[in-house]
PDB file of all heavy atoms in Angstrom:
ATOM      1  N   VAL A   1      16.922   5.283 -28.425  1.00  0.00           N
ATOM      2  CA  VAL A   1      15.816   4.447 -28.958  1.00  0.00           C
ATOM      3  C   VAL A   1      14.451   4.823 -28.036  1.00  0.00           C
ATOM      4  O   VAL A   1      13.415   5.010 -28.646  1.00  0.00           O
ATOM      5  CB  VAL A   1      16.162   2.942 -28.900  1.00  0.00           C
ATOM      6  CG1 VAL A   1      14.932   2.128 -29.315  1.00  0.00           C
ATOM      7  CG2 VAL A   1      17.187   2.799 -29.855  1.00  0.00           C
ATOM      8  N   GLU A   2      14.701   4.927 -26.738  1.00  0.00           N
ATOM      9  CA  GLU A   2      13.501   5.196 -25.929  1.00  0.00           C
ATOM     10  C   GLU A   2      12.875   6.560 -26.193  1.00  0.00           C
ATOM     11  O   GLU A   2      11.776   6.662 -26.204  1.00  0.00           O
ATOM     12  CB  GLU A   2      13.968   5.114 -24.496  1.00  0.00           C
ATOM     13  CG  GLU A   2      12.833   5.281 -23.457  1.00  0.00           C
ATOM     14  CD  GLU A   2      13.272   5.301 -21.938  1.00  0.00           C
ATOM     15  OE1 GLU A   2      14.470   5.592 -21.796  1.00  0.00           O
ATOM     16  OE2 GLU A   2      12.427   4.824 -21.095  1.00  0.00           O
ATOM     17  N   ARG A   3      13.718   7.487 -26.505  1.00  0.00           N
ATOM     18  CA  ARG A   3      13.243   8.885 -26.767  1.00  0.00           C
ATOM     19  C   ARG A   3      12.396   8.846 -28.104  1.00  0.00           C
ATOM     20  O   ARG A   3      11.434   9.518 -28.183  1.00  0.00           O
ATOM     21  CB  ARG A   3      14.458   9.773 -26.946  1.00  0.00           C
ATOM     22  CG  ARG A   3      15.181  10.248 -25.693  1.00  0.00           C
ATOM     23  CD  ARG A   3      16.322  11.288 -26.070  1.00  0.00           C
ATOM     24  NE  ARG A   3      17.036  11.378 -24.810  1.00  0.00           N
ATOM     25  CZ  ARG A   3      18.256  10.895 -24.758  1.00  0.00           C
ATOM     26  NH1 ARG A   3      18.840  10.307 -25.808  1.00  0.00           N
ATOM     27  NH2 ARG A   3      19.112  11.127 -23.812  1.00  0.00           N
ATOM     28  N   ARG A   4      12.830   7.971 -28.960  1.00  0.00           N
ATOM     29  CA  ARG A   4      12.167   7.968 -30.185  1.00  0.00           C
ATOM     30  C   ARG A   4      10.799   7.091 -30.216  1.00  0.00           C
ATOM     31  O   ARG A   4       9.974   7.308 -31.088  1.00  0.00           O
ATOM     32  CB  ARG A   4      13.099   7.423 -31.335  1.00  0.00           C
ATOM     33  CG  ARG A   4      14.307   8.324 -31.592  1.00  0.00           C
ATOM     34  CD  ARG A   4      15.159   7.919 -32.808  1.00  0.00           C
ATOM     35  NE  ARG A   4      16.375   8.732 -32.819  1.00  0.00           N
ATOM     36  CZ  ARG A   4      17.078   8.909 -34.002  1.00  0.00           C
ATOM     37  NH1 ARG A   4      16.722   8.292 -35.057  1.00  0.00           N
ATOM     38  NH2 ARG A   4      18.215   9.520 -33.854  1.00  0.00           N
ATOM     39  N   THR A   5      10.773   6.296 -29.437  1.00  0.00           N
ATOM     40  CA  THR A   5       9.597   5.347 -29.317  1.00  0.00           C
ATOM     41  C   THR A   5       9.172   5.165 -27.790  1.00  0.00           C
ATOM     42  O   THR A   5       9.214   4.065 -27.369  1.00  0.00           O
ATOM     43  CB  THR A   5       9.783   4.133 -30.079  1.00  0.00           C
ATOM     44  OG1 THR A   5       8.670   3.241 -29.955  1.00  0.00           O
ATOM     45  CG2 THR A   5      11.066   3.288 -29.578  1.00  0.00           C
ATOM     46  N   PRO A   6       8.798   6.290 -27.148  1.00  0.00           N
ATOM     47  CA  PRO A   6       8.584   6.185 -25.652  1.00  0.00           C
ATOM     48  C   PRO A   6       7.366   5.273 -25.279  1.00  0.00           C
ATOM     49  O   PRO A   6       7.272   4.723 -24.152  1.00  0.00           O
ATOM     50  CB  PRO A   6       8.225   7.596 -25.336  1.00  0.00           C
ATOM     51  CG  PRO A   6       7.867   8.306 -26.536  1.00  0.00           C
ATOM     52  CD  PRO A   6       8.665   7.705 -27.646  1.00  0.00           C
ATOM     53  N   ASP A   7       6.442   5.083 -26.271  1.00  0.00           N
ATOM     54  CA  ASP A   7       5.270   4.196 -25.892  1.00  0.00           C
ATOM     55  C   ASP A   7       5.695   2.655 -26.027  1.00  0.00           C
ATOM     56  O   ASP A   7       4.920   1.954 -25.524  1.00  0.00           O
ATOM     57  CB  ASP A   7       4.159   4.554 -26.906  1.00  0.00           C
ATOM     58  CG  ASP A   7       3.497   5.883 -26.747  1.00  0.00           C
ATOM     59  OD1 ASP A   7       3.732   6.435 -25.621  1.00  0.00           O
ATOM     60  OD2 ASP A   7       2.887   6.446 -27.723  1.00  0.00           O
ATOM     61  N   ASP A   8       6.733   2.349 -26.649  1.00  0.00           N
ATOM     62  CA  ASP A   8       7.134   1.019 -26.851  1.00  0.00           C
ATOM     63  C   ASP A   8       8.297   0.494 -25.959  1.00  0.00           C
ATOM     64  O   ASP A   8       8.395  -0.637 -25.693  1.00  0.00           O
ATOM     65  CB  ASP A   8       7.482   0.793 -28.211  1.00  0.00           C
ATOM     66  CG  ASP A   8       6.279   0.747 -29.152  1.00  0.00           C
ATOM     67  OD1 ASP A   8       5.158   0.576 -28.696  1.00  0.00           O
ATOM     68  OD2 ASP A   8       6.459   0.988 -30.371  1.00  0.00           O
ATOM     69  N   VAL A   9       9.127   1.475 -25.569  1.00  0.00           N
ATOM     70  CA  VAL A   9      10.533   1.153 -24.970  1.00  0.00           C
ATOM     71  C   VAL A   9      10.573   1.730 -23.550  1.00  0.00           C
ATOM     72  O   VAL A   9      10.147   2.787 -23.283  1.00  0.00           O
ATOM     73  CB  VAL A   9      11.541   1.681 -25.888  1.00  0.00           C
ATOM     74  CG1 VAL A   9      12.892   1.544 -25.212  1.00  0.00           C
ATOM     75  CG2 VAL A   9      11.582   0.949 -27.266  1.00  0.00           C
ATOM     76  N   THR A  10      11.387   0.889 -22.790  1.00  0.00           N
ATOM     77  CA  THR A  10      11.722   1.295 -21.460  1.00  0.00           C
ATOM     78  C   THR A  10      13.194   1.068 -21.281  1.00  0.00           C
ATOM     79  O   THR A  10      13.715   0.040 -21.782  1.00  0.00           O
ATOM     80  CB  THR A  10      10.850   0.618 -20.356  1.00  0.00           C
ATOM     81  OG1 THR A  10      11.351   1.129 -19.022  1.00  0.00           O
ATOM     82  CG2 THR A  10      11.113  -0.924 -20.303  1.00  0.00           C
ATOM     83  N   THR A  11      13.833   1.934 -20.445  1.00  0.00           N
ATOM     84  CA  THR A  11      15.190   1.470 -20.042  1.00  0.00           C
ATOM     85  C   THR A  11      15.309   1.294 -18.554  1.00  0.00           C
ATOM     86  O   THR A  11      16.350   1.410 -17.941  1.00  0.00           O
ATOM     87  CB  THR A  11      16.215   2.627 -20.525  1.00  0.00           C
ATOM     88  OG1 THR A  11      15.805   3.906 -19.934  1.00  0.00           O
ATOM     89  CG2 THR A  11      16.353   2.720 -21.969  1.00  0.00           C
ATOM     90  N   THR A  12      14.103   1.375 -17.847  1.00  0.00           N
ATOM     91  CA  THR A  12      14.005   1.194 -16.414  1.00  0.00           C
ATOM     92  C   THR A  12      14.712  -0.055 -16.034  1.00  0.00           C
ATOM     93  O   THR A  12      14.408  -1.162 -16.622  1.00  0.00           O
ATOM     94  CB  THR A  12      12.513   1.092 -16.040  1.00  0.00           C
ATOM     95  OG1 THR A  12      11.999   2.359 -16.337  1.00  0.00           O
ATOM     96  CG2 THR A  12      12.360   0.983 -14.462  1.00  0.00           C
ATOM     97  N   TRP A  13      15.567   0.039 -15.075  1.00  0.00           N
ATOM     98  CA  TRP A  13      16.467  -1.147 -14.741  1.00  0.00           C
ATOM     99  C   TRP A  13      15.684  -2.212 -13.959  1.00  0.00           C
ATOM    100  O   TRP A  13      15.783  -3.382 -14.436  1.00  0.00           O
ATOM    101  CB  TRP A  13      17.725  -0.823 -14.021  1.00  0.00           C
ATOM    102  CG  TRP A  13      18.572  -1.958 -13.559  1.00  0.00           C
ATOM    103  CD1 TRP A  13      18.846  -2.387 -12.382  1.00  0.00           C
ATOM    104  CD2 TRP A  13      19.037  -2.927 -14.478  1.00  0.00           C
ATOM    105  NE1 TRP A  13      19.571  -3.495 -12.439  1.00  0.00           N
ATOM    106  CE2 TRP A  13      19.763  -3.847 -13.766  1.00  0.00           C
ATOM    107  CE3 TRP A  13      19.081  -3.086 -15.962  1.00  0.00           C
ATOM    108  CZ2 TRP A  13      20.347  -5.003 -14.307  1.00  0.00           C
ATOM    109  CZ3 TRP A  13      19.804  -4.146 -16.489  1.00  0.00           C
ATOM    110  CH2 TRP A  13      20.447  -5.138 -15.610  1.00  0.00           C
ATOM    111  N   TRP A  14      15.047  -1.856 -12.902  1.00  0.00           N
ATOM    112  CA  TRP A  14      14.437  -2.819 -12.063  1.00  0.00           C
ATOM    113  C   TRP A  14      13.138  -3.520 -12.686  1.00  0.00           C
ATOM    114  O   TRP A  14      12.258  -2.709 -13.136  1.00  0.00           O
ATOM    115  CB  TRP A  14      14.078  -2.412 -10.699  1.00  0.00           C
ATOM    116  CG  TRP A  14      15.332  -1.780  -9.951  1.00  0.00           C
ATOM    117  CD1 TRP A  14      15.636  -0.475  -9.677  1.00  0.00           C
ATOM    118  CD2 TRP A  14      16.201  -2.735  -9.346  1.00  0.00           C
ATOM    119  NE1 TRP A  14      16.864  -0.547  -9.050  1.00  0.00           N
ATOM    120  CE2 TRP A  14      17.246  -1.888  -8.819  1.00  0.00           C
ATOM    121  CE3 TRP A  14      16.490  -4.063  -9.310  1.00  0.00           C
ATOM    122  CZ2 TRP A  14      18.408  -2.330  -8.169  1.00  0.00           C
ATOM    123  CZ3 TRP A  14      17.568  -4.649  -8.753  1.00  0.00           C
ATOM    124  CH2 TRP A  14      18.449  -3.702  -8.055  1.00  0.00           C
ATOM    125  N   ARG A  15      13.134  -4.762 -12.805  1.00  0.00           N
ATOM    126  CA  ARG A  15      12.090  -5.423 -13.617  1.00  0.00           C
ATOM    127  C   ARG A  15      10.719  -5.105 -12.930  1.00  0.00           C
ATOM    128  O   ARG A  15       9.798  -4.876 -13.755  1.00  0.00           O
ATOM    129  CB  ARG A  15      12.341  -6.940 -13.632  1.00  0.00           C
ATOM    130  CG  ARG A  15      11.370  -7.638 -14.473  1.00  0.00           C
ATOM    131  CD  ARG A  15      11.747  -9.168 -14.506  1.00  0.00           C
ATOM    132  NE  ARG A  15      10.834  -9.947 -15.433  1.00  0.00           N
ATOM    133  CZ  ARG A  15      11.195 -10.178 -16.694  1.00  0.00           C
ATOM    134  NH1 ARG A  15      12.416  -9.668 -17.174  1.00  0.00           N
ATOM    135  NH2 ARG A  15      10.390 -10.751 -17.524  1.00  0.00           N
ATOM    136  N   LYS A  16      10.768  -5.085 -11.604  1.00  0.00           N
ATOM    137  CA  LYS A  16       9.364  -4.785 -11.000  1.00  0.00           C
ATOM    138  C   LYS A  16       8.793  -3.398 -11.416  1.00  0.00           C
ATOM    139  O   LYS A  16       7.653  -3.149 -11.256  1.00  0.00           O
ATOM    140  CB  LYS A  16       9.558  -4.935  -9.501  1.00  0.00           C
ATOM    141  CG  LYS A  16      10.472  -3.951  -8.892  1.00  0.00           C
ATOM    142  CD  LYS A  16      10.631  -3.990  -7.306  1.00  0.00           C
ATOM    143  CE  LYS A  16      11.546  -3.133  -6.664  1.00  0.00           C
ATOM    144  NZ  LYS A  16      11.251  -1.640  -6.944  1.00  0.00           N
ATOM    145  N   ASP A  17       9.667  -2.466 -11.899  1.00  0.00           N
ATOM    146  CA  ASP A  17       9.234  -1.055 -12.094  1.00  0.00           C
ATOM    147  C   ASP A  17       8.854  -0.938 -13.606  1.00  0.00           C
ATOM    148  O   ASP A  17       8.440   0.160 -14.041  1.00  0.00           O
ATOM    149  CB  ASP A  17      10.285  -0.061 -11.589  1.00  0.00           C
ATOM    150  CG  ASP A  17      10.583  -0.181 -10.276  1.00  0.00           C
ATOM    151  OD1 ASP A  17       9.563  -0.460  -9.563  1.00  0.00           O
ATOM    152  OD2 ASP A  17      11.766   0.104  -9.861  1.00  0.00           O
ATOM    153  N   ARG A  18       9.128  -1.844 -14.491  1.00  0.00           N
ATOM    154  CA  ARG A  18       8.805  -1.807 -15.972  1.00  0.00           C
ATOM    155  C   ARG A  18       7.460  -2.034 -16.248  1.00  0.00           C
ATOM    156  O   ARG A  18       6.792  -2.869 -15.652  1.00  0.00           O
ATOM    157  CB  ARG A  18       9.782  -2.777 -16.680  1.00  0.00           C
ATOM    158  CG  ARG A  18      11.226  -2.546 -16.507  1.00  0.00           C
ATOM    159  CD  ARG A  18      11.955  -3.612 -17.485  1.00  0.00           C
ATOM    160  NE  ARG A  18      13.329  -3.831 -16.883  1.00  0.00           N
ATOM    161  CZ  ARG A  18      13.885  -5.048 -16.943  1.00  0.00           C
ATOM    162  NH1 ARG A  18      13.400  -5.994 -17.449  1.00  0.00           N
ATOM    163  NH2 ARG A  18      15.037  -5.113 -16.513  1.00  0.00           N
ATOM    164  N   ASP A  19       6.989  -1.286 -17.175  1.00  0.00           N
ATOM    165  CA  ASP A  19       5.633  -1.409 -17.842  1.00  0.00           C
ATOM    166  C   ASP A  19       5.629  -2.914 -18.510  1.00  0.00           C
ATOM    167  O   ASP A  19       6.494  -3.089 -19.433  1.00  0.00           O
ATOM    168  CB  ASP A  19       5.340  -0.359 -18.800  1.00  0.00           C
ATOM    169  CG  ASP A  19       3.856  -0.480 -19.290  1.00  0.00           C
ATOM    170  OD1 ASP A  19       3.405  -1.588 -19.378  1.00  0.00           O
ATOM    171  OD2 ASP A  19       3.377   0.549 -19.762  1.00  0.00           O
ATOM    172  N   PRO A  20       4.869  -3.744 -18.206  1.00  0.00           N
ATOM    173  CA  PRO A  20       4.811  -5.176 -18.748  1.00  0.00           C
ATOM    174  C   PRO A  20       4.499  -5.162 -20.192  1.00  0.00           C
ATOM    175  O   PRO A  20       4.646  -6.181 -20.892  1.00  0.00           O
ATOM    176  CB  PRO A  20       3.934  -5.945 -17.922  1.00  0.00           C
ATOM    177  CG  PRO A  20       2.960  -4.853 -17.332  1.00  0.00           C
ATOM    178  CD  PRO A  20       3.726  -3.705 -17.102  1.00  0.00           C
ATOM    179  N   ARG A  21       3.903  -4.000 -20.665  1.00  0.00           N
ATOM    180  CA  ARG A  21       3.629  -3.918 -22.181  1.00  0.00           C
ATOM    181  C   ARG A  21       4.691  -3.445 -23.036  1.00  0.00           C
ATOM    182  O   ARG A  21       4.745  -3.472 -24.209  1.00  0.00           O
ATOM    183  CB  ARG A  21       2.366  -3.073 -22.318  1.00  0.00           C
ATOM    184  CG  ARG A  21       1.102  -3.472 -21.621  1.00  0.00           C
ATOM    185  CD  ARG A  21       0.189  -2.400 -21.541  1.00  0.00           C
ATOM    186  NE  ARG A  21       0.688  -1.273 -20.784  1.00  0.00           N
ATOM    187  CZ  ARG A  21      -0.097  -0.142 -20.608  1.00  0.00           C
ATOM    188  NH1 ARG A  21      -1.204  -0.023 -21.064  1.00  0.00           N
ATOM    189  NH2 ARG A  21       0.479   0.840 -19.820  1.00  0.00           N
ATOM    190  N   LYS A  22       5.863  -3.000 -22.403  1.00  0.00           N
ATOM    191  CA  LYS A  22       7.051  -2.395 -23.107  1.00  0.00           C
ATOM    192  C   LYS A  22       8.076  -3.433 -23.417  1.00  0.00           C
ATOM    193  O   LYS A  22       8.155  -4.555 -22.872  1.00  0.00           O
ATOM    194  CB  LYS A  22       7.474  -1.228 -22.362  1.00  0.00           C
ATOM    195  CG  LYS A  22       6.545  -0.065 -22.432  1.00  0.00           C
ATOM    196  CD  LYS A  22       7.124   1.245 -21.906  1.00  0.00           C
ATOM    197  CE  LYS A  22       6.195   2.361 -21.988  1.00  0.00           C
ATOM    198  NZ  LYS A  22       6.822   3.593 -21.595  1.00  0.00           N
ATOM    199  N   LEU A  23       9.016  -3.003 -24.277  1.00  0.00           N
ATOM    200  CA  LEU A  23      10.232  -3.611 -24.545  1.00  0.00           C
ATOM    201  C   LEU A  23      11.350  -2.986 -23.834  1.00  0.00           C
ATOM    202  O   LEU A  23      11.569  -1.785 -23.787  1.00  0.00           O
ATOM    203  CB  LEU A  23      10.550  -3.631 -26.079  1.00  0.00           C
ATOM    204  CG  LEU A  23      11.777  -4.447 -26.547  1.00  0.00           C
ATOM    205  CD1 LEU A  23      11.442  -5.024 -27.877  1.00  0.00           C
ATOM    206  CD2 LEU A  23      13.068  -3.499 -26.560  1.00  0.00           C
ATOM    207  N   PHE A  24      12.234  -3.901 -23.108  1.00  0.00           N
ATOM    208  CA  PHE A  24      13.393  -3.332 -22.512  1.00  0.00           C
ATOM    209  C   PHE A  24      14.584  -3.538 -23.383  1.00  0.00           C
ATOM    210  O   PHE A  24      14.844  -4.645 -23.851  1.00  0.00           O
ATOM    211  CB  PHE A  24      13.478  -4.146 -21.229  1.00  0.00           C
ATOM    212  CG  PHE A  24      14.665  -3.863 -20.308  1.00  0.00           C
ATOM    213  CD1 PHE A  24      15.200  -2.544 -20.003  1.00  0.00           C
ATOM    214  CD2 PHE A  24      15.707  -4.814 -20.018  1.00  0.00           C
ATOM    215  CE1 PHE A  24      16.304  -2.217 -19.275  1.00  0.00           C
ATOM    216  CE2 PHE A  24      16.739  -4.569 -19.194  1.00  0.00           C
ATOM    217  CZ  PHE A  24      17.108  -3.182 -18.918  1.00  0.00           C
ATOM    218  N   VAL A  25      15.270  -2.405 -23.562  1.00  0.00           N
ATOM    219  CA  VAL A  25      16.499  -2.519 -24.304  1.00  0.00           C
ATOM    220  C   VAL A  25      17.632  -2.746 -23.291  1.00  0.00           C
ATOM    221  O   VAL A  25      18.140  -1.847 -22.602  1.00  0.00           O
ATOM    222  CB  VAL A  25      16.858  -1.211 -25.084  1.00  0.00           C
ATOM    223  CG1 VAL A  25      18.101  -1.313 -25.887  1.00  0.00           C
ATOM    224  CG2 VAL A  25      15.620  -0.932 -26.080  1.00  0.00           C
ATOM    225  N   ASP A  26      18.052  -3.898 -23.270  1.00  0.00           N
ATOM    226  CA  ASP A  26      18.928  -4.337 -22.149  1.00  0.00           C
ATOM    227  C   ASP A  26      20.385  -4.127 -22.450  1.00  0.00           C
ATOM    228  O   ASP A  26      21.169  -4.956 -22.878  1.00  0.00           O
ATOM    229  CB  ASP A  26      18.684  -5.834 -21.895  1.00  0.00           C
ATOM    230  CG  ASP A  26      19.372  -6.420 -20.565  1.00  0.00           C
ATOM    231  OD1 ASP A  26      20.063  -5.508 -19.954  1.00  0.00           O
ATOM    232  OD2 ASP A  26      19.249  -7.605 -20.251  1.00  0.00           O
ATOM    233  N   TYR A  27      20.803  -2.996 -22.038  1.00  0.00           N
ATOM    234  CA  TYR A  27      22.126  -2.486 -22.182  1.00  0.00           C
ATOM    235  C   TYR A  27      23.043  -3.086 -21.252  1.00  0.00           C
ATOM    236  O   TYR A  27      24.313  -3.212 -21.515  1.00  0.00           O
ATOM    237  CB  TYR A  27      22.244  -0.947 -21.938  1.00  0.00           C
ATOM    238  CG  TYR A  27      21.545  -0.627 -20.555  1.00  0.00           C
ATOM    239  CD1 TYR A  27      22.224  -0.514 -19.338  1.00  0.00           C
ATOM    240  CD2 TYR A  27      20.216  -0.186 -20.611  1.00  0.00           C
ATOM    241  CE1 TYR A  27      21.540  -0.277 -18.216  1.00  0.00           C
ATOM    242  CE2 TYR A  27      19.540   0.010 -19.434  1.00  0.00           C
ATOM    243  CZ  TYR A  27      20.284   0.064 -18.202  1.00  0.00           C
ATOM    244  OH  TYR A  27      19.568   0.366 -17.078  1.00  0.00           O
ATOM    245  N   ASN A  28      22.530  -3.702 -20.183  1.00  0.00           N
ATOM    246  CA  ASN A  28      23.451  -4.367 -19.221  1.00  0.00           C
ATOM    247  C   ASN A  28      24.025  -5.704 -19.622  1.00  0.00           C
ATOM    248  O   ASN A  28      25.024  -6.197 -19.048  1.00  0.00           O
ATOM    249  CB  ASN A  28      22.806  -4.636 -17.908  1.00  0.00           C
ATOM    250  CG  ASN A  28      23.563  -4.413 -16.658  1.00  0.00           C
ATOM    251  OD1 ASN A  28      24.376  -3.272 -16.666  1.00  0.00           O
ATOM    252  ND2 ASN A  28      23.613  -5.334 -15.784  1.00  0.00           N
ATOM    253  N   GLN A  29      23.579  -6.171 -20.778  1.00  0.00           N
ATOM    254  CA  GLN A  29      24.257  -7.418 -21.355  1.00  0.00           C
ATOM    255  C   GLN A  29      25.685  -7.060 -21.843  1.00  0.00           C
ATOM    256  O   GLN A  29      26.440  -8.015 -22.197  1.00  0.00           O
ATOM    257  CB  GLN A  29      23.429  -7.908 -22.656  1.00  0.00           C
ATOM    258  CG  GLN A  29      21.930  -8.344 -22.219  1.00  0.00           C
ATOM    259  CD  GLN A  29      22.093  -9.582 -21.388  1.00  0.00           C
ATOM    260  OE1 GLN A  29      23.029 -10.041 -20.804  1.00  0.00           O
ATOM    261  NE2 GLN A  29      20.891 -10.237 -21.288  1.00  0.00           N
ATOM    262  N   ASN A  30      26.039  -5.764 -21.868  1.00  0.00           N
ATOM    263  CA  ASN A  30      27.381  -5.406 -22.218  1.00  0.00           C
ATOM    264  C   ASN A  30      28.298  -5.224 -20.881  1.00  0.00           C
ATOM    265  O   ASN A  30      29.497  -4.850 -21.196  1.00  0.00           O
ATOM    266  CB  ASN A  30      27.468  -4.061 -23.101  1.00  0.00           C
ATOM    267  CG  ASN A  30      26.687  -4.301 -24.344  1.00  0.00           C
ATOM    268  OD1 ASN A  30      27.173  -4.777 -25.291  1.00  0.00           O
ATOM    269  ND2 ASN A  30      25.467  -3.897 -24.322  1.00  0.00           N
ATOM    270  N   ALA A  31      27.802  -5.483 -19.643  1.00  0.00           N
ATOM    271  CA  ALA A  31      28.658  -5.497 -18.630  1.00  0.00           C
ATOM    272  C   ALA A  31      29.541  -6.696 -18.553  1.00  0.00           C
ATOM    273  O   ALA A  31      29.357  -7.661 -19.258  1.00  0.00           O
ATOM    274  CB  ALA A  31      27.744  -5.442 -17.302  1.00  0.00           C
ATOM    275  N   ARG A  32      30.666  -6.546 -17.803  1.00  0.00           N
ATOM    276  CA  ARG A  32      31.616  -7.566 -17.878  1.00  0.00           C
ATOM    277  C   ARG A  32      31.025  -8.870 -17.203  1.00  0.00           C
ATOM    278  O   ARG A  32      30.285  -8.974 -16.257  1.00  0.00           O
ATOM    279  CB  ARG A  32      32.844  -7.236 -16.830  1.00  0.00           C
ATOM    280  CG  ARG A  32      33.992  -8.174 -16.886  1.00  0.00           C
ATOM    281  CD  ARG A  32      35.132  -7.688 -15.941  1.00  0.00           C
ATOM    282  NE  ARG A  32      36.411  -8.294 -16.126  1.00  0.00           N
ATOM    283  CZ  ARG A  32      36.634  -9.507 -15.494  1.00  0.00           C
ATOM    284  NH1 ARG A  32      35.672 -10.072 -14.711  1.00  0.00           N
ATOM    285  NH2 ARG A  32      37.762 -10.109 -15.802  1.00  0.00           N
ATOM    286  N   ASP A  33      31.283 -10.036 -17.882  1.00  0.00           N
ATOM    287  CA  ASP A  33      30.850 -11.419 -17.517  1.00  0.00           C
ATOM    288  C   ASP A  33      29.419 -11.584 -17.702  1.00  0.00           C
ATOM    289  O   ASP A  33      28.878 -12.505 -17.161  1.00  0.00           O
ATOM    290  CB  ASP A  33      31.306 -11.660 -16.047  1.00  0.00           C
ATOM    291  CG  ASP A  33      31.166 -13.166 -15.894  1.00  0.00           C
ATOM    292  OD1 ASP A  33      31.289 -14.028 -16.734  1.00  0.00           O
ATOM    293  OD2 ASP A  33      30.851 -13.642 -14.629  1.00  0.00           O
ATOM    294  N   HIS A  34      28.801 -10.753 -18.462  1.00  0.00           N
ATOM    295  CA  HIS A  34      27.365 -10.930 -18.891  1.00  0.00           C
ATOM    296  C   HIS A  34      27.385 -11.453 -20.308  1.00  0.00           C
ATOM    297  O   HIS A  34      28.076 -10.908 -21.174  1.00  0.00           O
ATOM    298  CB  HIS A  34      26.509  -9.666 -18.766  1.00  0.00           C
ATOM    299  CG  HIS A  34      26.209  -9.277 -17.415  1.00  0.00           C
ATOM    300  ND1 HIS A  34      24.822  -8.713 -17.116  1.00  0.00           N
ATOM    301  CD2 HIS A  34      26.939  -9.192 -16.311  1.00  0.00           C
ATOM    302  CE1 HIS A  34      24.782  -8.432 -15.835  1.00  0.00           C
ATOM    303  NE2 HIS A  34      26.000  -8.559 -15.371  1.00  0.00           N
ATOM    304  N   THR A  35      26.592 -12.596 -20.394  1.00  0.00           N
ATOM    305  CA  THR A  35      26.635 -13.241 -21.750  1.00  0.00           C
ATOM    306  C   THR A  35      25.192 -13.494 -22.260  1.00  0.00           C
ATOM    307  O   THR A  35      24.358 -13.678 -21.464  1.00  0.00           O
ATOM    308  CB  THR A  35      27.476 -14.411 -21.719  1.00  0.00           C
ATOM    309  OG1 THR A  35      26.888 -15.419 -20.815  1.00  0.00           O
ATOM    310  CG2 THR A  35      28.936 -14.317 -21.268  1.00  0.00           C
ATOM    311  N   ILE A  36      25.034 -13.635 -23.575  1.00  0.00           N
ATOM    312  CA  ILE A  36      23.790 -14.067 -24.137  1.00  0.00           C
ATOM    313  C   ILE A  36      24.186 -15.154 -25.145  1.00  0.00           C
ATOM    314  O   ILE A  36      25.305 -15.272 -25.601  1.00  0.00           O
ATOM    315  CB  ILE A  36      22.954 -12.968 -24.693  1.00  0.00           C
ATOM    316  CG1 ILE A  36      23.870 -12.082 -25.726  1.00  0.00           C
ATOM    317  CG2 ILE A  36      22.463 -12.069 -23.627  1.00  0.00           C
ATOM    318  CD1 ILE A  36      23.002 -10.860 -26.259  1.00  0.00           C
ATOM    319  N   ALA A  37      23.203 -15.896 -25.586  1.00  0.00           N
ATOM    320  CA  ALA A  37      23.394 -16.963 -26.528  1.00  0.00           C
ATOM    321  C   ALA A  37      23.887 -16.560 -27.822  1.00  0.00           C
ATOM    322  O   ALA A  37      23.433 -15.488 -28.421  1.00  0.00           O
ATOM    323  CB  ALA A  37      22.052 -17.710 -26.696  1.00  0.00           C
ATOM    324  N   ALA A  38      24.897 -17.178 -28.346  1.00  0.00           N
ATOM    325  CA  ALA A  38      25.637 -16.903 -29.559  1.00  0.00           C
ATOM    326  C   ALA A  38      24.651 -16.985 -30.783  1.00  0.00           C
ATOM    327  O   ALA A  38      23.712 -17.783 -30.704  1.00  0.00           O
ATOM    328  CB  ALA A  38      26.851 -17.632 -29.801  1.00  0.00           C
ATOM    329  N   ALA A  39      25.012 -16.302 -31.811  1.00  0.00           N
ATOM    330  CA  ALA A  39      24.468 -16.719 -33.153  1.00  0.00           C
ATOM    331  C   ALA A  39      24.613 -18.209 -33.471  1.00  0.00           C
ATOM    332  O   ALA A  39      25.728 -18.800 -33.236  1.00  0.00           O
ATOM    333  CB  ALA A  39      25.075 -16.034 -34.277  1.00  0.00           C
ATOM    334  N   TYR A  40      23.615 -18.790 -33.921  1.00  0.00           N
ATOM    335  CA  TYR A  40      23.549 -20.364 -34.127  1.00  0.00           C
ATOM    336  C   TYR A  40      23.474 -21.141 -32.789  1.00  0.00           C
ATOM    337  O   TYR A  40      23.328 -22.375 -32.943  1.00  0.00           O
ATOM    338  CB  TYR A  40      24.501 -20.702 -35.029  1.00  0.00           C
ATOM    339  CG  TYR A  40      24.505 -19.991 -36.472  1.00  0.00           C
ATOM    340  CD1 TYR A  40      25.437 -19.026 -36.729  1.00  0.00           C
ATOM    341  CD2 TYR A  40      23.455 -20.333 -37.340  1.00  0.00           C
ATOM    342  CE1 TYR A  40      25.288 -18.300 -37.913  1.00  0.00           C
ATOM    343  CE2 TYR A  40      23.375 -19.689 -38.572  1.00  0.00           C
ATOM    344  CZ  TYR A  40      24.300 -18.600 -38.685  1.00  0.00           C
ATOM    345  OH  TYR A  40      24.196 -17.893 -39.994  1.00  0.00           O
ATOM    346  N   SER A  41      23.487 -20.580 -31.713  1.00  0.00           N
ATOM    347  CA  SER A  41      23.307 -21.416 -30.454  1.00  0.00           C
ATOM    348  C   SER A  41      21.845 -21.967 -30.408  1.00  0.00           C
ATOM    349  O   SER A  41      20.929 -21.198 -30.514  1.00  0.00           O
ATOM    350  CB  SER A  41      23.749 -20.616 -29.238  1.00  0.00           C
ATOM    351  OG  SER A  41      23.399 -21.411 -28.082  1.00  0.00           O
ATOM    352  N   VAL A  42      21.740 -23.142 -30.065  1.00  0.00           N
ATOM    353  CA  VAL A  42      20.502 -23.747 -29.829  1.00  0.00           C
ATOM    354  C   VAL A  42      20.110 -23.236 -28.405  1.00  0.00           C
ATOM    355  O   VAL A  42      21.041 -22.932 -27.622  1.00  0.00           O
ATOM    356  CB  VAL A  42      20.511 -25.313 -29.775  1.00  0.00           C
ATOM    357  CG1 VAL A  42      19.215 -25.915 -29.465  1.00  0.00           C
ATOM    358  CG2 VAL A  42      21.000 -25.742 -31.245  1.00  0.00           C
TER     359      VAL A  42
END
């Protein structure tokens, strides 16, 4: 996704190193014991 839209996307891991204008595709949400809010979660 980053290759196709390099002006919009970053995969840079460390937050301090990311361009604040870009979108981070957070692949690390798939690491063990990492969770995000479920569908329909308030």
